[in-house]
Amino acid sequence: MDRVTKLSTQRAVVIFSSSSCCMCHAVKAFFQDLGVNYAAYELDEEPHGKEIEMALFRLIGRSPPVPAVFVGGKLVGPTDRLMSLHLSGKLLPMLRDAGAKWL
């Protein structure tokens, strides 16, 4: 869990992902379209990817736990929660507050 906490606070937006996950790809493309720079950790390519995946599973409560998005060091969640925040108009202010988006 310490590794997730440390990695999730190193950038304004952090995405824990898997290189073969289509939803992970969609989330990364979504942030690119918004003009947000993010850090992505591909768990299937990380040396401690399995440990991180287990920690994320405990946080999110579903398998697979990716994509797992953190904004300003706080867990936003997987794709459905991310899109819910966006559609409700809450995501962009959250991104601005975290310093991930200027406008």
C-alpha atoms as a PDB file:
ATOM      1  CA  MET A   1       0.000   0.000   0.000  1.00  0.00           C
ATOM      2  CA  ASP A   2       2.920   2.357   0.711  1.00  0.00           C
ATOM      3  CA  ARG A   3       4.109   2.031  -2.878  1.00  0.00           C
ATOM      4  CA  VAL A   4       0.659   3.019  -4.213  1.00  0.00           C
ATOM      5  CA  THR A   5       0.530   6.005  -1.867  1.00  0.00           C
ATOM      6  CA  LYS A   6       4.003   7.144  -2.875  1.00  0.00           C
ATOM      7  CA  LEU A   7       3.450   6.745  -6.624  1.00  0.00           C
ATOM      8  CA  SER A   8      -0.029   8.296  -6.578  1.00  0.00           C
ATOM      9  CA  THR A   9       1.257  11.546  -5.093  1.00  0.00           C
ATOM     10  CA  GLN A  10       4.205  12.107  -7.429  1.00  0.00           C
ATOM     11  CA  ARG A  11       2.118  13.788 -10.157  1.00  0.00           C
ATOM     12  CA  ALA A  12      -1.216  15.622 -10.273  1.00  0.00           C
ATOM     13  CA  VAL A  13      -2.798  12.716 -12.195  1.00  0.00           C
ATOM     14  CA  VAL A  14      -1.623   9.145 -11.876  1.00  0.00           C
ATOM     15  CA  ILE A  15      -3.108   6.196 -13.739  1.00  0.00           C
ATOM     16  CA  PHE A  16      -2.370   2.626 -12.763  1.00  0.00           C
ATOM     17  CA  SER A  17      -2.914   0.650 -15.920  1.00  0.00           C
ATOM     18  CA  SER A  18      -2.247  -2.511 -17.849  1.00  0.00           C
ATOM     19  CA  SER A  19      -0.735  -2.299 -21.320  1.00  0.00           C
ATOM     20  CA  SER A  20      -3.287  -4.729 -22.767  1.00  0.00           C
ATOM     21  CA  CYS A  21      -6.400  -3.190 -21.154  1.00  0.00           C
ATOM     22  CA  CYS A  22      -8.713  -1.382 -23.583  1.00  0.00           C
ATOM     23  CA  MET A  23     -10.390   0.630 -20.808  1.00  0.00           C
ATOM     24  CA  CYS A  24      -6.973   1.763 -19.586  1.00  0.00           C
ATOM     25  CA  HIS A  25      -6.166   2.934 -23.090  1.00  0.00           C
ATOM     26  CA  ALA A  26      -9.499   4.804 -23.264  1.00  0.00           C
ATOM     27  CA  VAL A  27      -8.854   6.568 -19.941  1.00  0.00           C
ATOM     28  CA  LYS A  28      -5.376   7.646 -21.028  1.00  0.00           C
ATOM     29  CA  ALA A  29      -6.763   8.926 -24.349  1.00  0.00           C
ATOM     30  CA  PHE A  30      -9.487  10.791 -22.427  1.00  0.00           C
ATOM     31  CA  PHE A  31      -6.895  12.640 -20.341  1.00  0.00           C
ATOM     32  CA  GLN A  32      -4.815  13.370 -23.436  1.00  0.00           C
ATOM     33  CA  ASP A  33      -7.901  14.892 -25.086  1.00  0.00           C
ATOM     34  CA  LEU A  34      -8.403  17.071 -22.004  1.00  0.00           C
ATOM     35  CA  GLY A  35      -4.793  18.250 -22.298  1.00  0.00           C
ATOM     36  CA  VAL A  36      -3.794  16.724 -18.972  1.00  0.00           C
ATOM     37  CA  ASN A  37      -0.298  15.386 -18.393  1.00  0.00           C
ATOM     38  CA  TYR A  38      -0.372  12.242 -16.319  1.00  0.00           C
ATOM     39  CA  ALA A  39       1.915   9.524 -15.087  1.00  0.00           C
ATOM     40  CA  ALA A  40       0.913   6.019 -16.123  1.00  0.00           C
ATOM     41  CA  TYR A  41       2.214   2.898 -14.436  1.00  0.00           C
ATOM     42  CA  GLU A  42       1.702  -0.230 -16.520  1.00  0.00           C
ATOM     43  CA  LEU A  43       1.372  -2.898 -13.839  1.00  0.00           C
ATOM     44  CA  ASP A  44       2.159  -5.729 -16.235  1.00  0.00           C
ATOM     45  CA  GLU A  45       5.519  -4.037 -16.930  1.00  0.00           C
ATOM     46  CA  GLU A  46       6.379  -2.833 -13.402  1.00  0.00           C
ATOM     47  CA  PRO A  47       8.747  -4.945 -11.264  1.00  0.00           C
ATOM     48  CA  HIS A  48       6.332  -4.743  -8.305  1.00  0.00           C
ATOM     49  CA  GLY A  49       3.185  -4.706 -10.448  1.00  0.00           C
ATOM     50  CA  LYS A  50       1.495  -7.650  -8.708  1.00  0.00           C
ATOM     51  CA  GLU A  51       1.944  -6.043  -5.280  1.00  0.00           C
ATOM     52  CA  ILE A  52       0.525  -2.761  -6.557  1.00  0.00           C
ATOM     53  CA  GLU A  53      -2.381  -4.594  -8.176  1.00  0.00           C
ATOM     54  CA  MET A  54      -3.255  -6.313  -4.882  1.00  0.00           C
ATOM     55  CA  ALA A  55      -3.141  -2.983  -3.011  1.00  0.00           C
ATOM     56  CA  LEU A  56      -5.402  -1.394  -5.613  1.00  0.00           C
ATOM     57  CA  PHE A  57      -7.791  -4.331  -5.374  1.00  0.00           C
ATOM     58  CA  ARG A  58      -8.076  -3.698  -1.627  1.00  0.00           C
ATOM     59  CA  LEU A  59      -8.744  -0.001  -2.268  1.00  0.00           C
ATOM     60  CA  ILE A  60     -11.213  -0.377  -5.121  1.00  0.00           C
ATOM     61  CA  GLY A  61     -12.776  -3.712  -4.276  1.00  0.00           C
ATOM     62  CA  ARG A  62     -12.971  -5.129  -7.765  1.00  0.00           C
ATOM     63  CA  SER A  63     -10.867  -7.169 -10.080  1.00  0.00           C
ATOM     64  CA  PRO A  64      -9.174  -6.123 -12.229  1.00  0.00           C
ATOM     65  CA  PRO A  65      -8.536  -2.875 -10.355  1.00  0.00           C
ATOM     66  CA  VAL A  66      -7.255  -1.053 -13.436  1.00  0.00           C
ATOM     67  CA  PRO A  67      -7.560   1.572 -14.635  1.00  0.00           C
ATOM     68  CA  ALA A  68      -7.179   3.200 -11.233  1.00  0.00           C
ATOM     69  CA  VAL A  69      -7.010   6.976 -11.429  1.00  0.00           C
ATOM     70  CA  PHE A  70      -5.657   9.276  -8.731  1.00  0.00           C
ATOM     71  CA  VAL A  71      -6.072  13.047  -8.916  1.00  0.00           C
ATOM     72  CA  GLY A  72      -4.150  15.150  -6.450  1.00  0.00           C
ATOM     73  CA  GLY A  73      -3.136  11.987  -4.609  1.00  0.00           C
ATOM     74  CA  LYS A  74      -6.762  10.956  -4.023  1.00  0.00           C
ATOM     75  CA  LEU A  75      -8.352   7.888  -5.546  1.00  0.00           C
ATOM     76  CA  VAL A  76     -10.927   8.907  -8.130  1.00  0.00           C
ATOM     77  CA  GLY A  77     -11.570   5.313  -9.048  1.00  0.00           C
ATOM     78  CA  PRO A  78     -11.954   3.152 -12.099  1.00  0.00           C
ATOM     79  CA  THR A  79     -13.536   4.223 -15.382  1.00  0.00           C
ATOM     80  CA  ASP A  80     -17.178   4.322 -14.272  1.00  0.00           C
ATOM     81  CA  ARG A  81     -16.464   6.637 -11.339  1.00  0.00           C
ATOM     82  CA  LEU A  82     -14.189   8.811 -13.471  1.00  0.00           C
ATOM     83  CA  MET A  83     -16.851   9.243 -16.154  1.00  0.00           C
ATOM     84  CA  SER A  84     -19.527   9.913 -13.525  1.00  0.00           C
ATOM     85  CA  LEU A  85     -17.404  12.749 -12.121  1.00  0.00           C
ATOM     86  CA  HIS A  86     -16.842  14.122 -15.606  1.00  0.00           C
ATOM     87  CA  LEU A  87     -20.521  14.010 -16.587  1.00  0.00           C
ATOM     88  CA  SER A  88     -21.546  15.684 -13.334  1.00  0.00           C
ATOM     89  CA  GLY A  89     -19.087  18.535 -13.991  1.00  0.00           C
ATOM     90  CA  LYS A  90     -16.908  17.741 -10.971  1.00  0.00           C
ATOM     91  CA  LEU A  91     -13.820  16.351 -12.702  1.00  0.00           C
ATOM     92  CA  LEU A  92     -12.494  19.522 -14.355  1.00  0.00           C
ATOM     93  CA  PRO A  93     -12.543  21.560 -11.118  1.00  0.00           C
ATOM     94  CA  MET A  94     -10.805  18.659  -9.398  1.00  0.00           C
ATOM     95  CA  LEU A  95      -8.123  18.645 -12.100  1.00  0.00           C
ATOM     96  CA  ARG A  96      -7.678  22.425 -11.789  1.00  0.00           C
ATOM     97  CA  ASP A  97      -7.381  22.201  -7.999  1.00  0.00           C
ATOM     98  CA  ALA A  98      -4.710  19.502  -8.341  1.00  0.00           C
ATOM     99  CA  GLY A  99      -2.747  21.623 -10.821  1.00  0.00           C
ATOM    100  CA  ALA A 100      -3.286  19.192 -13.685  1.00  0.00           C
ATOM    101  CA  LYS A 101      -5.223  21.622 -15.869  1.00  0.00           C
ATOM    102  CA  TRP A 102      -4.917  25.388 -16.072  1.00  0.00           C
ATOM    103  CA  LEU A 103      -8.143  26.382 -17.840  1.00  0.00           C
END
